[in-house]
Amino acid sequence: MFLTISPDAGGAPLYRVAKRALLQAIEAGQCPPGSTLPNESSLASFELTRLDEEAAAALRLRSGEAAIEINNRLSLQGRPIVHDRLLLPSALFKGLTEKRLRERPSTIYHLYQTEFAITVVRAEERLRACAADRAAARILGVAPGAPVLQVRRTALTFNDKPVEFRVSTLNSAQHDYVNLVSRP
């Protein structure tokens, strides 16, 4: 199945644009009963690793501590646009498996809350422009050295305790990075 999602969605959040496009495709008969719908979590990979210095500092842990690494590629109009690398402290997410991650019924933050009693209440992000390294170039389908955006996000729960460190690399050649900020 191929969904066309207009990159000029009038400033609407991407999840709403994707939902609207999917509903229109279903209503138009492009997704007949029994057909497989696109699944974002099917693109994720999962492995046990150790925290590097940057992730350890963001999570306020020691370098080398056990972590869960999740890699996810998000596509729009059949083109990869975002590569996410998430690092989670293993001690906080005991029992998290690739199967549980893939079969989650909703967002990853909802999984954190319902399965691990971890509520993400805010996130700190740092955004910078950089050149795509070989790994990012391969995943995003761009030339090595092509301009990309990198967003480093630390998700925090109550008492500003870090629970997730995420590095997102974005191919912004045809799409914008939009972050909506609201008052608590």
C-alpha atoms as a PDB file:
ATOM      1  CA  MET A   1       0.000   0.000   0.000  1.00  0.00           C
ATOM      2  CA  PHE A   2       1.274   3.485  -0.829  1.00  0.00           C
ATOM      3  CA  LEU A   3      -0.055   6.574   0.933  1.00  0.00           C
ATOM      4  CA  THR A   4       0.538  10.063  -0.411  1.00  0.00           C
ATOM      5  CA  ILE A   5       1.002  12.594   2.368  1.00  0.00           C
ATOM      6  CA  SER A   6       1.385  16.195   1.334  1.00  0.00           C
ATOM      7  CA  PRO A   7       4.522  17.782   2.823  1.00  0.00           C
ATOM      8  CA  ASP A   8       2.690  21.131   3.058  1.00  0.00           C
ATOM      9  CA  ALA A   9       0.129  20.005   5.583  1.00  0.00           C
ATOM     10  CA  GLY A  10      -0.644  23.484   6.793  1.00  0.00           C
ATOM     11  CA  GLY A  11       1.407  23.140   9.974  1.00  0.00           C
ATOM     12  CA  ALA A  12      -0.583  20.175  11.297  1.00  0.00           C
ATOM     13  CA  PRO A  13       1.368  17.622  13.359  1.00  0.00           C
ATOM     14  CA  LEU A  14       2.620  14.774  11.186  1.00  0.00           C
ATOM     15  CA  TYR A  15       0.703  12.105  13.141  1.00  0.00           C
ATOM     16  CA  ARG A  16      -2.569  13.896  12.326  1.00  0.00           C
ATOM     17  CA  VAL A  17      -1.629  14.231   8.657  1.00  0.00           C
ATOM     18  CA  ALA A  18      -0.724  10.521   8.523  1.00  0.00           C
ATOM     19  CA  LYS A  19      -3.965   9.551  10.290  1.00  0.00           C
ATOM     20  CA  ARG A  20      -6.020  11.640   7.864  1.00  0.00           C
ATOM     21  CA  ALA A  21      -4.234  10.130   4.836  1.00  0.00           C
ATOM     22  CA  LEU A  22      -4.732   6.601   6.181  1.00  0.00           C
ATOM     23  CA  LEU A  23      -8.447   7.179   6.836  1.00  0.00           C
ATOM     24  CA  GLN A  24      -8.878   8.651   3.348  1.00  0.00           C
ATOM     25  CA  ALA A  25      -7.130   5.623   1.830  1.00  0.00           C
ATOM     26  CA  ILE A  26      -9.439   3.258   3.743  1.00  0.00           C
ATOM     27  CA  GLU A  27     -12.552   5.224   2.747  1.00  0.00           C
ATOM     28  CA  ALA A  28     -11.413   5.307  -0.893  1.00  0.00           C
ATOM     29  CA  GLY A  29     -11.029   1.532  -0.937  1.00  0.00           C
ATOM     30  CA  GLN A  30      -7.246   1.629  -1.331  1.00  0.00           C
ATOM     31  CA  CYS A  31      -6.975  -0.538   1.795  1.00  0.00           C
ATOM     32  CA  PRO A  32      -9.400  -3.412   1.265  1.00  0.00           C
ATOM     33  CA  PRO A  33     -10.508  -5.548   4.224  1.00  0.00           C
ATOM     34  CA  GLY A  34      -7.758  -7.939   5.249  1.00  0.00           C
ATOM     35  CA  SER A  35      -4.933  -5.902   3.714  1.00  0.00           C
ATOM     36  CA  THR A  36      -1.893  -5.041   5.798  1.00  0.00           C
ATOM     37  CA  LEU A  37      -1.588  -1.457   6.965  1.00  0.00           C
ATOM     38  CA  PRO A  38       1.814   0.220   7.351  1.00  0.00           C
ATOM     39  CA  ASN A  39       3.273  -0.364  10.801  1.00  0.00           C
ATOM     40  CA  GLU A  40       5.859   2.063  12.162  1.00  0.00           C
ATOM     41  CA  SER A  41       7.002  -0.336  14.858  1.00  0.00           C
ATOM     42  CA  SER A  42       7.782  -3.003  12.259  1.00  0.00           C
ATOM     43  CA  LEU A  43      10.741  -0.844  11.232  1.00  0.00           C
ATOM     44  CA  ALA A  44      12.247  -0.846  14.742  1.00  0.00           C
ATOM     45  CA  SER A  45      15.194  -3.024  15.800  1.00  0.00           C
ATOM     46  CA  PHE A  46      16.077  -3.874  19.405  1.00  0.00           C
ATOM     47  CA  GLU A  47      19.299  -4.821  21.159  1.00  0.00           C
ATOM     48  CA  LEU A  48      20.999  -4.843  24.538  1.00  0.00           C
ATOM     49  CA  THR A  49      24.029  -2.574  24.707  1.00  0.00           C
ATOM     50  CA  ARG A  50      26.086  -0.379  27.026  1.00  0.00           C
ATOM     51  CA  LEU A  51      25.750   3.379  27.431  1.00  0.00           C
ATOM     52  CA  ASP A  52      28.363   5.516  25.710  1.00  0.00           C
ATOM     53  CA  GLU A  53      29.595   8.677  27.435  1.00  0.00           C
ATOM     54  CA  GLU A  54      27.086  11.025  25.784  1.00  0.00           C
ATOM     55  CA  ALA A  55      24.044   8.872  26.586  1.00  0.00           C
ATOM     56  CA  ALA A  56      25.299   8.165  30.111  1.00  0.00           C
ATOM     57  CA  ALA A  57      25.708  11.889  30.792  1.00  0.00           C
ATOM     58  CA  ALA A  58      22.211  12.632  29.436  1.00  0.00           C
ATOM     59  CA  LEU A  59      20.697   9.866  31.560  1.00  0.00           C
ATOM     60  CA  ARG A  60      22.838  10.795  34.605  1.00  0.00           C
ATOM     61  CA  LEU A  61      24.341   7.314  34.728  1.00  0.00           C
ATOM     62  CA  ARG A  62      27.815   5.855  34.326  1.00  0.00           C
ATOM     63  CA  SER A  63      29.310   5.074  30.943  1.00  0.00           C
ATOM     64  CA  GLY A  64      29.108   1.349  30.288  1.00  0.00           C
ATOM     65  CA  GLU A  65      25.883   0.742  32.222  1.00  0.00           C
ATOM     66  CA  ALA A  66      23.432  -1.692  30.627  1.00  0.00           C
ATOM     67  CA  ALA A  67      20.956  -0.176  28.195  1.00  0.00           C
ATOM     68  CA  ILE A  68      18.369  -1.093  25.613  1.00  0.00           C
ATOM     69  CA  GLU A  69      18.939   0.380  22.159  1.00  0.00           C
ATOM     70  CA  ILE A  70      16.069   0.829  19.741  1.00  0.00           C
ATOM     71  CA  ASN A  71      16.598   1.997  16.168  1.00  0.00           C
ATOM     72  CA  ASN A  72      13.648   3.170  14.160  1.00  0.00           C
ATOM     73  CA  ARG A  73      13.314   4.587  10.655  1.00  0.00           C
ATOM     74  CA  LEU A  74      10.279   6.688   9.802  1.00  0.00           C
ATOM     75  CA  SER A  75       9.228   7.174   6.185  1.00  0.00           C
ATOM     76  CA  LEU A  76       6.923   9.617   4.458  1.00  0.00           C
ATOM     77  CA  GLN A  77       5.655   9.090   0.918  1.00  0.00           C
ATOM     78  CA  GLY A  78       7.888   6.013   0.697  1.00  0.00           C
ATOM     79  CA  ARG A  79      11.046   7.982   1.511  1.00  0.00           C
ATOM     80  CA  PRO A  80      12.957   7.622   4.778  1.00  0.00           C
ATOM     81  CA  ILE A  81      13.062  10.961   6.583  1.00  0.00           C
ATOM     82  CA  VAL A  82      13.955  10.213  10.217  1.00  0.00           C
ATOM     83  CA  HIS A  83      16.280   7.768  11.923  1.00  0.00           C
ATOM     84  CA  ASP A  84      15.755   7.527  15.690  1.00  0.00           C
ATOM     85  CA  ARG A  85      18.257   5.889  18.031  1.00  0.00           C
ATOM     86  CA  LEU A  86      16.802   5.496  21.519  1.00  0.00           C
ATOM     87  CA  LEU A  87      18.761   4.423  24.582  1.00  0.00           C
ATOM     88  CA  LEU A  88      16.887   3.311  27.686  1.00  0.00           C
ATOM     89  CA  PRO A  89      18.422   2.359  31.044  1.00  0.00           C
ATOM     90  CA  SER A  90      17.929  -1.405  31.389  1.00  0.00           C
ATOM     91  CA  ALA A  91      17.309  -1.044  35.125  1.00  0.00           C
ATOM     92  CA  LEU A  92      14.167   1.031  34.482  1.00  0.00           C
ATOM     93  CA  PHE A  93      12.778  -1.182  31.727  1.00  0.00           C
ATOM     94  CA  LYS A  94      13.177  -4.707  33.116  1.00  0.00           C
ATOM     95  CA  GLY A  95      11.154  -7.103  30.999  1.00  0.00           C
ATOM     96  CA  LEU A  96      11.050  -4.927  27.886  1.00  0.00           C
ATOM     97  CA  THR A  97      11.446  -7.198  24.896  1.00  0.00           C
ATOM     98  CA  GLU A  98      11.429  -6.648  21.176  1.00  0.00           C
ATOM     99  CA  LYS A  99       8.099  -8.489  21.028  1.00  0.00           C
ATOM    100  CA  ARG A 100       6.513  -6.143  23.594  1.00  0.00           C
ATOM    101  CA  LEU A 101       7.911  -3.148  21.740  1.00  0.00           C
ATOM    102  CA  ARG A 102       6.617  -4.319  18.346  1.00  0.00           C
ATOM    103  CA  GLU A 103       3.190  -5.336  19.635  1.00  0.00           C
ATOM    104  CA  ARG A 104       2.490  -2.173  21.603  1.00  0.00           C
ATOM    105  CA  PRO A 105      -0.974  -0.838  20.785  1.00  0.00           C
ATOM    106  CA  SER A 106      -0.026   2.825  20.955  1.00  0.00           C
ATOM    107  CA  THR A 107       2.974   5.155  21.290  1.00  0.00           C
ATOM    108  CA  ILE A 108       6.237   4.243  22.943  1.00  0.00           C
ATOM    109  CA  TYR A 109       5.574   6.754  25.744  1.00  0.00           C
ATOM    110  CA  HIS A 110       2.232   5.048  26.374  1.00  0.00           C
ATOM    111  CA  LEU A 111       4.130   1.742  26.635  1.00  0.00           C
ATOM    112  CA  TYR A 112       6.500   3.297  29.192  1.00  0.00           C
ATOM    113  CA  GLN A 113       3.537   4.444  31.265  1.00  0.00           C
ATOM    114  CA  THR A 114       1.300   1.377  31.097  1.00  0.00           C
ATOM    115  CA  GLU A 115       3.950  -1.343  31.300  1.00  0.00           C
ATOM    116  CA  PHE A 116       6.674   0.298  33.427  1.00  0.00           C
ATOM    117  CA  ALA A 117       4.854   3.051  35.392  1.00  0.00           C
ATOM    118  CA  ILE A 118       7.144   5.665  33.810  1.00  0.00           C
ATOM    119  CA  THR A 119       5.375   8.843  32.758  1.00  0.00           C
ATOM    120  CA  VAL A 120       7.283  11.199  30.479  1.00  0.00           C
ATOM    121  CA  VAL A 121       6.305  14.668  31.674  1.00  0.00           C
ATOM    122  CA  ARG A 122       8.678  16.726  29.546  1.00  0.00           C
ATOM    123  CA  ALA A 123      11.658  16.521  27.234  1.00  0.00           C
ATOM    124  CA  GLU A 124      14.717  18.633  26.638  1.00  0.00           C
ATOM    125  CA  GLU A 125      15.838  18.897  23.023  1.00  0.00           C
ATOM    126  CA  ARG A 126      18.892  20.284  21.310  1.00  0.00           C
ATOM    127  CA  LEU A 127      18.782  20.742  17.546  1.00  0.00           C
ATOM    128  CA  ARG A 128      21.728  21.255  15.215  1.00  0.00           C
ATOM    129  CA  ALA A 129      22.539  21.060  11.549  1.00  0.00           C
ATOM    130  CA  CYS A 130      25.306  18.641  10.575  1.00  0.00           C
ATOM    131  CA  ALA A 131      26.571  16.491   7.731  1.00  0.00           C
ATOM    132  CA  ALA A 132      25.225  12.956   7.345  1.00  0.00           C
ATOM    133  CA  ASP A 133      27.742  10.332   8.364  1.00  0.00           C
ATOM    134  CA  ARG A 134      27.870   7.053   6.444  1.00  0.00           C
ATOM    135  CA  ALA A 135      25.376   5.286   8.720  1.00  0.00           C
ATOM    136  CA  ALA A 136      22.816   8.123   8.534  1.00  0.00           C
ATOM    137  CA  ALA A 137      23.352   8.458   4.787  1.00  0.00           C
ATOM    138  CA  ARG A 138      22.653   4.740   4.302  1.00  0.00           C
ATOM    139  CA  ILE A 139      19.540   4.730   6.486  1.00  0.00           C
ATOM    140  CA  LEU A 140      18.101   7.974   5.081  1.00  0.00           C
ATOM    141  CA  GLY A 141      19.116   7.353   1.473  1.00  0.00           C
ATOM    142  CA  VAL A 142      21.191  10.517   1.139  1.00  0.00           C
ATOM    143  CA  ALA A 143      24.797  11.080   0.102  1.00  0.00           C
ATOM    144  CA  PRO A 144      27.420  11.022   2.866  1.00  0.00           C
ATOM    145  CA  GLY A 145      28.036  14.617   3.883  1.00  0.00           C
ATOM    146  CA  ALA A 146      24.538  15.753   2.886  1.00  0.00           C
ATOM    147  CA  PRO A 147      23.029  18.308   5.285  1.00  0.00           C
ATOM    148  CA  VAL A 148      20.753  16.790   7.944  1.00  0.00           C
ATOM    149  CA  LEU A 149      19.324  17.891  11.255  1.00  0.00           C
ATOM    150  CA  GLN A 150      20.088  16.115  14.497  1.00  0.00           C
ATOM    151  CA  VAL A 151      17.849  16.371  17.526  1.00  0.00           C
ATOM    152  CA  ARG A 152      19.149  15.124  20.855  1.00  0.00           C
ATOM    153  CA  ARG A 153      16.262  14.567  23.252  1.00  0.00           C
ATOM    154  CA  THR A 154      16.297  13.589  26.886  1.00  0.00           C
ATOM    155  CA  ALA A 155      12.852  12.511  28.096  1.00  0.00           C
ATOM    156  CA  LEU A 156      12.206  13.169  31.773  1.00  0.00           C
ATOM    157  CA  THR A 157       9.739  11.792  34.256  1.00  0.00           C
ATOM    158  CA  PHE A 158       8.745  13.292  37.613  1.00  0.00           C
ATOM    159  CA  ASN A 159      11.460  15.102  39.597  1.00  0.00           C
ATOM    160  CA  ASP A 160      13.326  15.638  36.302  1.00  0.00           C
ATOM    161  CA  LYS A 161      14.618  12.063  36.269  1.00  0.00           C
ATOM    162  CA  PRO A 162      15.897  11.143  32.768  1.00  0.00           C
ATOM    163  CA  VAL A 163      14.378   7.954  31.340  1.00  0.00           C
ATOM    164  CA  GLU A 164      15.261   8.049  27.637  1.00  0.00           C
ATOM    165  CA  PHE A 165      18.020   9.509  25.471  1.00  0.00           C
ATOM    166  CA  ARG A 166      17.175   9.806  21.791  1.00  0.00           C
ATOM    167  CA  VAL A 167      19.164  11.024  18.817  1.00  0.00           C
ATOM    168  CA  SER A 168      17.002  11.695  15.773  1.00  0.00           C
ATOM    169  CA  THR A 169      18.646  12.361  12.422  1.00  0.00           C
ATOM    170  CA  LEU A 170      16.317  14.049   9.941  1.00  0.00           C
ATOM    171  CA  ASN A 171      16.514  14.483   6.206  1.00  0.00           C
ATOM    172  CA  SER A 172      14.979  17.944   6.015  1.00  0.00           C
ATOM    173  CA  ALA A 173      15.542  18.487   2.286  1.00  0.00           C
ATOM    174  CA  GLN A 174      11.783  18.367   1.628  1.00  0.00           C
ATOM    175  CA  HIS A 175      10.265  18.464   5.134  1.00  0.00           C
ATOM    176  CA  ASP A 176      10.423  20.709   8.169  1.00  0.00           C
ATOM    177  CA  TYR A 177      11.061  19.728  11.761  1.00  0.00           C
ATOM    178  CA  VAL A 178       8.124  21.072  13.782  1.00  0.00           C
ATOM    179  CA  ASN A 179       8.071  21.217  17.564  1.00  0.00           C
ATOM    180  CA  LEU A 180       4.952  22.600  19.222  1.00  0.00           C
ATOM    181  CA  VAL A 181       5.549  24.167  22.619  1.00  0.00           C
ATOM    182  CA  SER A 182       2.703  24.764  25.050  1.00  0.00           C
ATOM    183  CA  ARG A 183       2.383  25.909  28.617  1.00  0.00           C
ATOM    184  CA  PRO A 184       1.815  23.264  31.294  1.00  0.00           C
END
